[in-house]
Amino acid sequence: MLAKRIIPCLDVRDGKVTKGVKFAGNADIGDPVAMARYYYEQGADELVFYDITASNERRAIMLEVVSNVAREIFIPFSVGGGLRTLADMRAVLLAGAEKVSIDSGAVRNPRIIAEGARAFGSQCIVLSMQVRKTAVRPGLESGYEVVIDGGRVFTGRDALEWAREGVSLGAGEIVINSIDRDGTKAGYDLEITRLISEAVPVPIVASGGAGAPEHLREAFTAGAADAAIVASIVHYGEYPIPELKRYLKSAGIEVRDAIAL
């Protein structure tokens, strides 16, 4: 059995890590470089960095911050926000990321998934999806709609069908960002996580809603996720990563031990 992964998320705005609820009301909470190093030393399995306003502001990602973070950690590092072209992806990878996370740009131009997979390999291409639960209707059979630009624009795309399309184009991993659960600490959206996990043959990462160790266990079992993104639960020191891993091991979930520095 492959070990489940715990992935701290650094949402970055104007060079600072920020956190909100349901993609709104964000407050700055720290320096991304220092926080990345801290989570690496705590035993994080990977790290994800999102420049959360790059897509909406139609600008390039902050490569200097990406490069500074990459110098401080020696675990897989995924970067997203404002990536629209092959050149954008290449720049992020050259800055030190192992994976590129594409979201709004892929919805607008799905061919970028295939182009990235051909150029860099599917293992580098993460399809990140912002989703909201709406209602089952024609064209939206899962009842979950894809949203872009930081939760601002509804696309009419069905989340389950978009996941299937993304994988067929070459995405090697999918992150499901539940806007409804983001920052609420009410637990992950297990329904859409399992729906997509059962529909595609690539690793699935649950994101949005972690508030207690039990929520990660549920994501890995009931949600069938391969990894879970955490933010508030670790940013505010409520449950350090070693504590989360001890709990998961006691619950019979396979996780990697903390690294020896």
C-alpha atoms as a PDB file:
ATOM      1  CA  MET A   1       0.000   0.000   0.000  1.00  0.00           C
ATOM      2  CA  LEU A   2       1.295   3.438  -0.908  1.00  0.00           C
ATOM      3  CA  ALA A   3       1.711   5.814   2.019  1.00  0.00           C
ATOM      4  CA  LYS A   4      -0.841   8.612   2.262  1.00  0.00           C
ATOM      5  CA  ARG A   5       0.561  12.121   1.964  1.00  0.00           C
ATOM      6  CA  ILE A   6       0.058  15.226   4.100  1.00  0.00           C
ATOM      7  CA  ILE A   7       0.588  18.401   2.079  1.00  0.00           C
ATOM      8  CA  PRO A   8       0.620  21.847   3.716  1.00  0.00           C
ATOM      9  CA  CYS A   9      -0.724  24.561   1.430  1.00  0.00           C
ATOM     10  CA  LEU A  10       0.747  28.036   1.224  1.00  0.00           C
ATOM     11  CA  ASP A  11      -1.759  30.435  -0.344  1.00  0.00           C
ATOM     12  CA  VAL A  12       0.357  33.465  -1.189  1.00  0.00           C
ATOM     13  CA  ARG A  13      -0.838  37.000  -1.886  1.00  0.00           C
ATOM     14  CA  ASP A  14       1.568  39.948  -2.312  1.00  0.00           C
ATOM     15  CA  GLY A  15       4.436  37.795  -1.070  1.00  0.00           C
ATOM     16  CA  LYS A  16       2.742  36.723   2.175  1.00  0.00           C
ATOM     17  CA  VAL A  17       0.977  33.511   3.178  1.00  0.00           C
ATOM     18  CA  THR A  18      -2.709  34.264   3.646  1.00  0.00           C
ATOM     19  CA  LYS A  19      -5.771  32.335   4.791  1.00  0.00           C
ATOM     20  CA  GLY A  20      -9.490  32.928   4.486  1.00  0.00           C
ATOM     21  CA  VAL A  21     -12.784  31.063   4.529  1.00  0.00           C
ATOM     22  CA  LYS A  22     -14.501  29.917   1.316  1.00  0.00           C
ATOM     23  CA  PHE A  23     -11.926  31.874  -0.729  1.00  0.00           C
ATOM     24  CA  ALA A  24     -12.812  35.185   0.973  1.00  0.00           C
ATOM     25  CA  GLY A  25     -11.803  37.376   3.915  1.00  0.00           C
ATOM     26  CA  ASN A  26      -8.125  36.483   3.680  1.00  0.00           C
ATOM     27  CA  ALA A  27      -5.683  37.648   6.348  1.00  0.00           C
ATOM     28  CA  ASP A  28      -1.888  37.533   6.100  1.00  0.00           C
ATOM     29  CA  ILE A  29      -0.319  35.031   8.475  1.00  0.00           C
ATOM     30  CA  GLY A  30       3.361  34.637   7.645  1.00  0.00           C
ATOM     31  CA  ASP A  31       6.389  34.483   5.378  1.00  0.00           C
ATOM     32  CA  PRO A  32       6.214  31.681   2.779  1.00  0.00           C
ATOM     33  CA  VAL A  33       9.911  30.855   2.906  1.00  0.00           C
ATOM     34  CA  ALA A  34      10.023  30.504   6.693  1.00  0.00           C
ATOM     35  CA  MET A  35       6.780  28.536   6.772  1.00  0.00           C
ATOM     36  CA  ALA A  36       7.952  26.197   4.003  1.00  0.00           C
ATOM     37  CA  ARG A  37      11.130  25.416   5.931  1.00  0.00           C
ATOM     38  CA  TYR A  38       9.132  24.823   9.114  1.00  0.00           C
ATOM     39  CA  TYR A  39       6.783  22.350   7.448  1.00  0.00           C
ATOM     40  CA  TYR A  40       9.684  20.553   5.794  1.00  0.00           C
ATOM     41  CA  GLU A  41      11.348  20.128   9.189  1.00  0.00           C
ATOM     42  CA  GLN A  42       8.012  18.981  10.678  1.00  0.00           C
ATOM     43  CA  GLY A  43       7.845  16.057   8.245  1.00  0.00           C
ATOM     44  CA  ALA A  44       5.499  17.269   5.507  1.00  0.00           C
ATOM     45  CA  ASP A  45       5.446  14.863   2.566  1.00  0.00           C
ATOM     46  CA  GLU A  46       5.044  17.602  -0.027  1.00  0.00           C
ATOM     47  CA  LEU A  47       4.298  21.297  -0.201  1.00  0.00           C
ATOM     48  CA  VAL A  48       1.934  23.217  -2.457  1.00  0.00           C
ATOM     49  CA  PHE A  49       2.247  26.917  -3.206  1.00  0.00           C
ATOM     50  CA  TYR A  50      -0.610  28.872  -4.796  1.00  0.00           C
ATOM     51  CA  ASP A  51      -0.253  32.472  -5.954  1.00  0.00           C
ATOM     52  CA  ILE A  52      -3.947  33.021  -5.311  1.00  0.00           C
ATOM     53  CA  THR A  53      -4.463  36.297  -7.166  1.00  0.00           C
ATOM     54  CA  ALA A  54      -2.292  35.673 -10.235  1.00  0.00           C
ATOM     55  CA  SER A  55      -5.112  34.220 -12.368  1.00  0.00           C
ATOM     56  CA  ASN A  56      -7.675  36.868 -11.513  1.00  0.00           C
ATOM     57  CA  GLU A  57      -5.106  39.657 -11.999  1.00  0.00           C
ATOM     58  CA  ARG A  58      -3.912  38.071 -15.285  1.00  0.00           C
ATOM     59  CA  ARG A  59      -0.267  38.267 -14.268  1.00  0.00           C
ATOM     60  CA  ALA A  60       2.684  35.907 -13.995  1.00  0.00           C
ATOM     61  CA  ILE A  61       3.410  33.977 -10.823  1.00  0.00           C
ATOM     62  CA  MET A  62       5.974  35.349  -8.339  1.00  0.00           C
ATOM     63  CA  LEU A  63       9.009  33.304  -9.429  1.00  0.00           C
ATOM     64  CA  GLU A  64      11.381  34.852  -6.895  1.00  0.00           C
ATOM     65  CA  VAL A  65       9.246  33.539  -4.015  1.00  0.00           C
ATOM     66  CA  VAL A  66       9.037  30.114  -5.684  1.00  0.00           C
ATOM     67  CA  SER A  67      12.824  30.011  -6.039  1.00  0.00           C
ATOM     68  CA  ASN A  68      13.397  31.089  -2.433  1.00  0.00           C
ATOM     69  CA  VAL A  69      11.035  28.397  -1.134  1.00  0.00           C
ATOM     70  CA  ALA A  70      12.630  25.707  -3.321  1.00  0.00           C
ATOM     71  CA  ARG A  71      16.049  26.431  -1.823  1.00  0.00           C
ATOM     72  CA  GLU A  72      14.738  25.720   1.678  1.00  0.00           C
ATOM     73  CA  ILE A  73      13.000  22.362   1.207  1.00  0.00           C
ATOM     74  CA  PHE A  74      13.909  18.926  -0.141  1.00  0.00           C
ATOM     75  CA  ILE A  75      10.490  17.392  -0.670  1.00  0.00           C
ATOM     76  CA  PRO A  76       8.200  17.515  -3.730  1.00  0.00           C
ATOM     77  CA  PHE A  77       6.951  21.032  -4.346  1.00  0.00           C
ATOM     78  CA  SER A  78       3.898  21.906  -6.466  1.00  0.00           C
ATOM     79  CA  VAL A  79       3.272  25.458  -7.662  1.00  0.00           C
ATOM     80  CA  GLY A  80       0.172  27.032  -9.168  1.00  0.00           C
ATOM     81  CA  GLY A  81      -1.463  30.367  -9.915  1.00  0.00           C
ATOM     82  CA  GLY A  82      -1.606  32.216 -13.207  1.00  0.00           C
ATOM     83  CA  LEU A  83      -0.028  29.433 -15.295  1.00  0.00           C
ATOM     84  CA  ARG A  84      -1.423  29.780 -18.811  1.00  0.00           C
ATOM     85  CA  THR A  85       1.325  28.709 -21.216  1.00  0.00           C
ATOM     86  CA  LEU A  86       4.078  26.148 -21.645  1.00  0.00           C
ATOM     87  CA  ALA A  87       6.575  28.925 -20.973  1.00  0.00           C
ATOM     88  CA  ASP A  88       4.865  29.662 -17.638  1.00  0.00           C
ATOM     89  CA  MET A  89       5.184  25.998 -16.651  1.00  0.00           C
ATOM     90  CA  ARG A  90       8.821  25.817 -17.706  1.00  0.00           C
ATOM     91  CA  ALA A  91       9.677  28.936 -15.700  1.00  0.00           C
ATOM     92  CA  VAL A  92       8.126  27.473 -12.531  1.00  0.00           C
ATOM     93  CA  LEU A  93       9.953  24.155 -12.967  1.00  0.00           C
ATOM     94  CA  LEU A  94      13.254  25.946 -13.574  1.00  0.00           C
ATOM     95  CA  ALA A  95      12.616  27.980 -10.412  1.00  0.00           C
ATOM     96  CA  GLY A  96      12.657  24.740  -8.419  1.00  0.00           C
ATOM     97  CA  ALA A  97       9.179  23.208  -8.469  1.00  0.00           C
ATOM     98  CA  GLU A  98       8.704  19.495  -9.164  1.00  0.00           C
ATOM     99  CA  LYS A  99       5.084  19.889 -10.297  1.00  0.00           C
ATOM    100  CA  VAL A 100       2.955  22.569 -11.902  1.00  0.00           C
ATOM    101  CA  SER A 101      -0.626  23.017 -10.755  1.00  0.00           C
ATOM    102  CA  ILE A 102      -2.939  24.334 -13.458  1.00  0.00           C
ATOM    103  CA  ASP A 103      -6.469  25.469 -12.765  1.00  0.00           C
ATOM    104  CA  SER A 104      -8.211  28.431 -14.393  1.00  0.00           C
ATOM    105  CA  GLY A 105      -5.763  28.445 -17.304  1.00  0.00           C
ATOM    106  CA  ALA A 106      -6.572  24.812 -18.084  1.00  0.00           C
ATOM    107  CA  VAL A 107     -10.315  25.463 -18.083  1.00  0.00           C
ATOM    108  CA  ARG A 108      -9.836  28.278 -20.581  1.00  0.00           C
ATOM    109  CA  ASN A 109      -7.392  26.259 -22.694  1.00  0.00           C
ATOM    110  CA  PRO A 110      -7.538  22.501 -21.995  1.00  0.00           C
ATOM    111  CA  ARG A 111      -4.816  21.866 -24.596  1.00  0.00           C
ATOM    112  CA  ILE A 112      -2.268  23.229 -22.119  1.00  0.00           C
ATOM    113  CA  ILE A 113      -2.650  20.000 -20.134  1.00  0.00           C
ATOM    114  CA  ALA A 114      -1.606  17.877 -23.106  1.00  0.00           C
ATOM    115  CA  GLU A 115       1.172  20.281 -24.063  1.00  0.00           C
ATOM    116  CA  GLY A 116       2.571  20.214 -20.536  1.00  0.00           C
ATOM    117  CA  ALA A 117       2.358  16.427 -20.304  1.00  0.00           C
ATOM    118  CA  ARG A 118       4.217  16.014 -23.591  1.00  0.00           C
ATOM    119  CA  ALA A 119       6.906  18.509 -22.631  1.00  0.00           C
ATOM    120  CA  PHE A 120       7.497  17.591 -18.995  1.00  0.00           C
ATOM    121  CA  GLY A 121       5.698  14.282 -18.346  1.00  0.00           C
ATOM    122  CA  SER A 122       2.305  13.626 -16.787  1.00  0.00           C
ATOM    123  CA  GLN A 123       3.920  13.253 -13.360  1.00  0.00           C
ATOM    124  CA  CYS A 124       4.578  17.033 -13.430  1.00  0.00           C
ATOM    125  CA  ILE A 125       1.055  18.080 -14.373  1.00  0.00           C
ATOM    126  CA  VAL A 126      -1.455  18.562 -11.556  1.00  0.00           C
ATOM    127  CA  LEU A 127      -5.009  19.514 -12.487  1.00  0.00           C
ATOM    128  CA  SER A 128      -6.290  21.659  -9.633  1.00  0.00           C
ATOM    129  CA  MET A 129     -10.060  22.092  -9.549  1.00  0.00           C
ATOM    130  CA  GLN A 130     -12.082  24.675  -7.624  1.00  0.00           C
ATOM    131  CA  VAL A 131     -15.512  23.106  -7.105  1.00  0.00           C
ATOM    132  CA  ARG A 132     -18.826  24.096  -5.560  1.00  0.00           C
ATOM    133  CA  LYS A 133     -21.791  21.860  -4.855  1.00  0.00           C
ATOM    134  CA  THR A 134     -24.748  23.218  -6.782  1.00  0.00           C
ATOM    135  CA  ALA A 135     -27.505  20.880  -7.938  1.00  0.00           C
ATOM    136  CA  VAL A 136     -27.864  17.978 -10.314  1.00  0.00           C
ATOM    137  CA  ARG A 137     -29.122  19.243 -13.666  1.00  0.00           C
ATOM    138  CA  PRO A 138     -28.548  18.535 -17.359  1.00  0.00           C
ATOM    139  CA  GLY A 139     -24.853  18.983 -18.062  1.00  0.00           C
ATOM    140  CA  LEU A 140     -24.062  18.884 -14.349  1.00  0.00           C
ATOM    141  CA  GLU A 141     -24.787  15.281 -13.474  1.00  0.00           C
ATOM    142  CA  SER A 142     -22.434  15.148 -10.477  1.00  0.00           C
ATOM    143  CA  GLY A 143     -24.039  18.189  -8.864  1.00  0.00           C
ATOM    144  CA  TYR A 144     -20.623  19.848  -8.572  1.00  0.00           C
ATOM    145  CA  GLU A 145     -19.574  22.765 -10.762  1.00  0.00           C
ATOM    146  CA  VAL A 146     -16.075  23.900 -11.678  1.00  0.00           C
ATOM    147  CA  VAL A 147     -15.314  27.498 -10.675  1.00  0.00           C
ATOM    148  CA  ILE A 148     -12.296  29.589 -11.715  1.00  0.00           C
ATOM    149  CA  ASP A 149     -10.458  32.802 -10.870  1.00  0.00           C
ATOM    150  CA  GLY A 150     -10.332  32.222  -7.135  1.00  0.00           C
ATOM    151  CA  GLY A 151     -13.968  31.155  -6.850  1.00  0.00           C
ATOM    152  CA  ARG A 152     -15.262  34.175  -8.746  1.00  0.00           C
ATOM    153  CA  VAL A 153     -16.460  32.710 -12.055  1.00  0.00           C
ATOM    154  CA  PHE A 154     -18.811  29.743 -12.524  1.00  0.00           C
ATOM    155  CA  THR A 155     -18.041  27.794 -15.693  1.00  0.00           C
ATOM    156  CA  GLY A 156     -21.021  25.462 -16.130  1.00  0.00           C
ATOM    157  CA  ARG A 157     -18.569  22.549 -16.317  1.00  0.00           C
ATOM    158  CA  ASP A 158     -19.326  19.372 -14.401  1.00  0.00           C
ATOM    159  CA  ALA A 159     -16.473  18.590 -11.986  1.00  0.00           C
ATOM    160  CA  LEU A 160     -16.540  14.838 -12.596  1.00  0.00           C
ATOM    161  CA  GLU A 161     -16.470  15.205 -16.368  1.00  0.00           C
ATOM    162  CA  TRP A 162     -13.711  17.818 -16.155  1.00  0.00           C
ATOM    163  CA  ALA A 163     -11.630  15.419 -14.070  1.00  0.00           C
ATOM    164  CA  ARG A 164     -12.063  12.683 -16.662  1.00  0.00           C
ATOM    165  CA  GLU A 165     -11.175  15.058 -19.484  1.00  0.00           C
ATOM    166  CA  GLY A 166      -8.126  16.360 -17.648  1.00  0.00           C
ATOM    167  CA  VAL A 167      -6.754  12.874 -17.113  1.00  0.00           C
ATOM    168  CA  SER A 168      -7.427  11.902 -20.728  1.00  0.00           C
ATOM    169  CA  LEU A 169      -5.387  14.947 -21.773  1.00  0.00           C
ATOM    170  CA  GLY A 170      -2.454  13.925 -19.586  1.00  0.00           C
ATOM    171  CA  ALA A 171      -2.897  15.228 -16.021  1.00  0.00           C
ATOM    172  CA  GLY A 172      -1.042  12.948 -13.622  1.00  0.00           C
ATOM    173  CA  GLU A 173      -2.776  14.072 -10.426  1.00  0.00           C
ATOM    174  CA  ILE A 174      -5.954  15.924  -9.441  1.00  0.00           C
ATOM    175  CA  VAL A 175      -6.461  18.304  -6.520  1.00  0.00           C
ATOM    176  CA  ILE A 176     -10.084  18.883  -5.521  1.00  0.00           C
ATOM    177  CA  ASN A 177     -10.418  22.286  -3.863  1.00  0.00           C
ATOM    178  CA  SER A 178     -13.843  22.463  -2.221  1.00  0.00           C
ATOM    179  CA  ILE A 179     -14.839  26.116  -2.002  1.00  0.00           C
ATOM    180  CA  ASP A 180     -17.758  25.199   0.262  1.00  0.00           C
ATOM    181  CA  ARG A 181     -15.399  23.647   2.818  1.00  0.00           C
ATOM    182  CA  ASP A 182     -12.375  25.933   2.458  1.00  0.00           C
ATOM    183  CA  GLY A 183     -11.290  27.294   5.845  1.00  0.00           C
ATOM    184  CA  THR A 184     -14.414  26.001   7.612  1.00  0.00           C
ATOM    185  CA  LYS A 185     -12.656  23.186   9.521  1.00  0.00           C
ATOM    186  CA  ALA A 186     -15.823  21.139   8.956  1.00  0.00           C
ATOM    187  CA  GLY A 187     -14.076  18.297   7.125  1.00  0.00           C
ATOM    188  CA  TYR A 188     -13.360  17.551   3.488  1.00  0.00           C
ATOM    189  CA  ASP A 189     -16.101  17.122   0.913  1.00  0.00           C
ATOM    190  CA  LEU A 190     -15.989  13.328   0.837  1.00  0.00           C
ATOM    191  CA  GLU A 191     -18.705  12.967  -1.783  1.00  0.00           C
ATOM    192  CA  ILE A 192     -16.921  14.655  -4.677  1.00  0.00           C
ATOM    193  CA  THR A 193     -13.564  13.286  -3.541  1.00  0.00           C
ATOM    194  CA  ARG A 194     -14.784   9.699  -3.778  1.00  0.00           C
ATOM    195  CA  LEU A 195     -16.721  10.311  -7.003  1.00  0.00           C
ATOM    196  CA  ILE A 196     -13.589  11.517  -8.752  1.00  0.00           C
ATOM    197  CA  SER A 197     -11.301   8.973  -7.090  1.00  0.00           C
ATOM    198  CA  GLU A 198     -13.456   6.132  -8.396  1.00  0.00           C
ATOM    199  CA  ALA A 199     -13.683   7.662 -11.879  1.00  0.00           C
ATOM    200  CA  VAL A 200     -10.021   8.282 -12.762  1.00  0.00           C
ATOM    201  CA  PRO A 201      -6.789   6.243 -12.436  1.00  0.00           C
ATOM    202  CA  VAL A 202      -4.523   8.983 -11.056  1.00  0.00           C
ATOM    203  CA  PRO A 203      -3.809  10.111  -7.473  1.00  0.00           C
ATOM    204  CA  ILE A 204      -6.472  12.332  -5.901  1.00  0.00           C
ATOM    205  CA  VAL A 205      -5.709  15.069  -3.376  1.00  0.00           C
ATOM    206  CA  ALA A 206      -8.484  16.294  -1.062  1.00  0.00           C
ATOM    207  CA  SER A 207      -8.403  19.989  -0.205  1.00  0.00           C
ATOM    208  CA  GLY A 208     -10.592  22.284   1.871  1.00  0.00           C
ATOM    209  CA  GLY A 209     -12.049  21.736   5.318  1.00  0.00           C
ATOM    210  CA  ALA A 210      -9.451  20.009   7.499  1.00  0.00           C
ATOM    211  CA  GLY A 211     -10.123  20.908  11.129  1.00  0.00           C
ATOM    212  CA  ALA A 212      -9.198  17.781  13.080  1.00  0.00           C
ATOM    213  CA  PRO A 213      -7.084  14.632  12.591  1.00  0.00           C
ATOM    214  CA  GLU A 214     -10.273  12.626  12.042  1.00  0.00           C
ATOM    215  CA  HIS A 215     -10.952  14.622   8.903  1.00  0.00           C
ATOM    216  CA  LEU A 216      -7.742  13.374   7.297  1.00  0.00           C
ATOM    217  CA  ARG A 217      -8.623   9.786   8.205  1.00  0.00           C
ATOM    218  CA  GLU A 218     -12.029  10.252   6.593  1.00  0.00           C
ATOM    219  CA  ALA A 219     -10.444  11.712   3.449  1.00  0.00           C
ATOM    220  CA  PHE A 220      -8.177   8.681   3.116  1.00  0.00           C
ATOM    221  CA  THR A 221     -10.878   6.116   3.849  1.00  0.00           C
ATOM    222  CA  ALA A 222     -14.399   7.327   3.023  1.00  0.00           C
ATOM    223  CA  GLY A 223     -13.067   9.785   0.451  1.00  0.00           C
ATOM    224  CA  ALA A 224     -10.495   7.367  -1.009  1.00  0.00           C
ATOM    225  CA  ALA A 225      -7.981  10.216  -1.377  1.00  0.00           C
ATOM    226  CA  ASP A 226      -4.276   9.546  -1.864  1.00  0.00           C
ATOM    227  CA  ALA A 227      -3.234  12.792  -0.189  1.00  0.00           C
ATOM    228  CA  ALA A 228      -4.751  15.603   1.844  1.00  0.00           C
ATOM    229  CA  ILE A 229      -3.932  19.291   1.763  1.00  0.00           C
ATOM    230  CA  VAL A 230      -3.891  21.047   5.129  1.00  0.00           C
ATOM    231  CA  ALA A 231      -3.798  24.754   5.919  1.00  0.00           C
ATOM    232  CA  SER A 232      -5.573  26.296   8.929  1.00  0.00           C
ATOM    233  CA  ILE A 233      -5.147  23.143  11.006  1.00  0.00           C
ATOM    234  CA  VAL A 234      -1.345  23.496  10.811  1.00  0.00           C
ATOM    235  CA  HIS A 235      -0.904  27.227  10.187  1.00  0.00           C
ATOM    236  CA  TYR A 236      -2.359  28.106  13.590  1.00  0.00           C
ATOM    237  CA  GLY A 237      -0.504  25.354  15.457  1.00  0.00           C
ATOM    238  CA  GLU A 238      -3.612  23.375  16.381  1.00  0.00           C
ATOM    239  CA  TYR A 239      -2.303  20.036  15.110  1.00  0.00           C
ATOM    240  CA  PRO A 240       1.370  19.890  14.101  1.00  0.00           C
ATOM    241  CA  ILE A 241       2.217  17.463  11.314  1.00  0.00           C
ATOM    242  CA  PRO A 242       3.933  14.909  13.622  1.00  0.00           C
ATOM    243  CA  GLU A 243       0.755  14.762  15.702  1.00  0.00           C
ATOM    244  CA  LEU A 244      -1.376  14.223  12.601  1.00  0.00           C
ATOM    245  CA  LYS A 245       0.900  11.390  11.487  1.00  0.00           C
ATOM    246  CA  ARG A 246       0.824   9.716  14.897  1.00  0.00           C
ATOM    247  CA  TYR A 247      -2.964   9.804  14.879  1.00  0.00           C
ATOM    248  CA  LEU A 248      -3.207   8.399  11.363  1.00  0.00           C
ATOM    249  CA  LYS A 249      -0.792   5.568  12.171  1.00  0.00           C
ATOM    250  CA  SER A 250      -2.833   4.680  15.243  1.00  0.00           C
ATOM    251  CA  ALA A 251      -5.905   4.570  12.990  1.00  0.00           C
ATOM    252  CA  GLY A 252      -4.210   2.110  10.658  1.00  0.00           C
ATOM    253  CA  ILE A 253      -3.406   4.617   7.905  1.00  0.00           C
ATOM    254  CA  GLU A 254      -0.009   4.144   6.262  1.00  0.00           C
ATOM    255  CA  VAL A 255       2.021   7.377   6.384  1.00  0.00           C
ATOM    256  CA  ARG A 256       5.703   8.132   6.060  1.00  0.00           C
ATOM    257  CA  ASP A 257       7.746   8.801   9.163  1.00  0.00           C
ATOM    258  CA  ALA A 258       9.087  12.293   9.693  1.00  0.00           C
ATOM    259  CA  ILE A 259      12.346  12.899   7.856  1.00  0.00           C
ATOM    260  CA  ALA A 260      15.645  12.872   9.732  1.00  0.00           C
ATOM    261  CA  LEU A 261      17.399  16.216   9.230  1.00  0.00           C
END
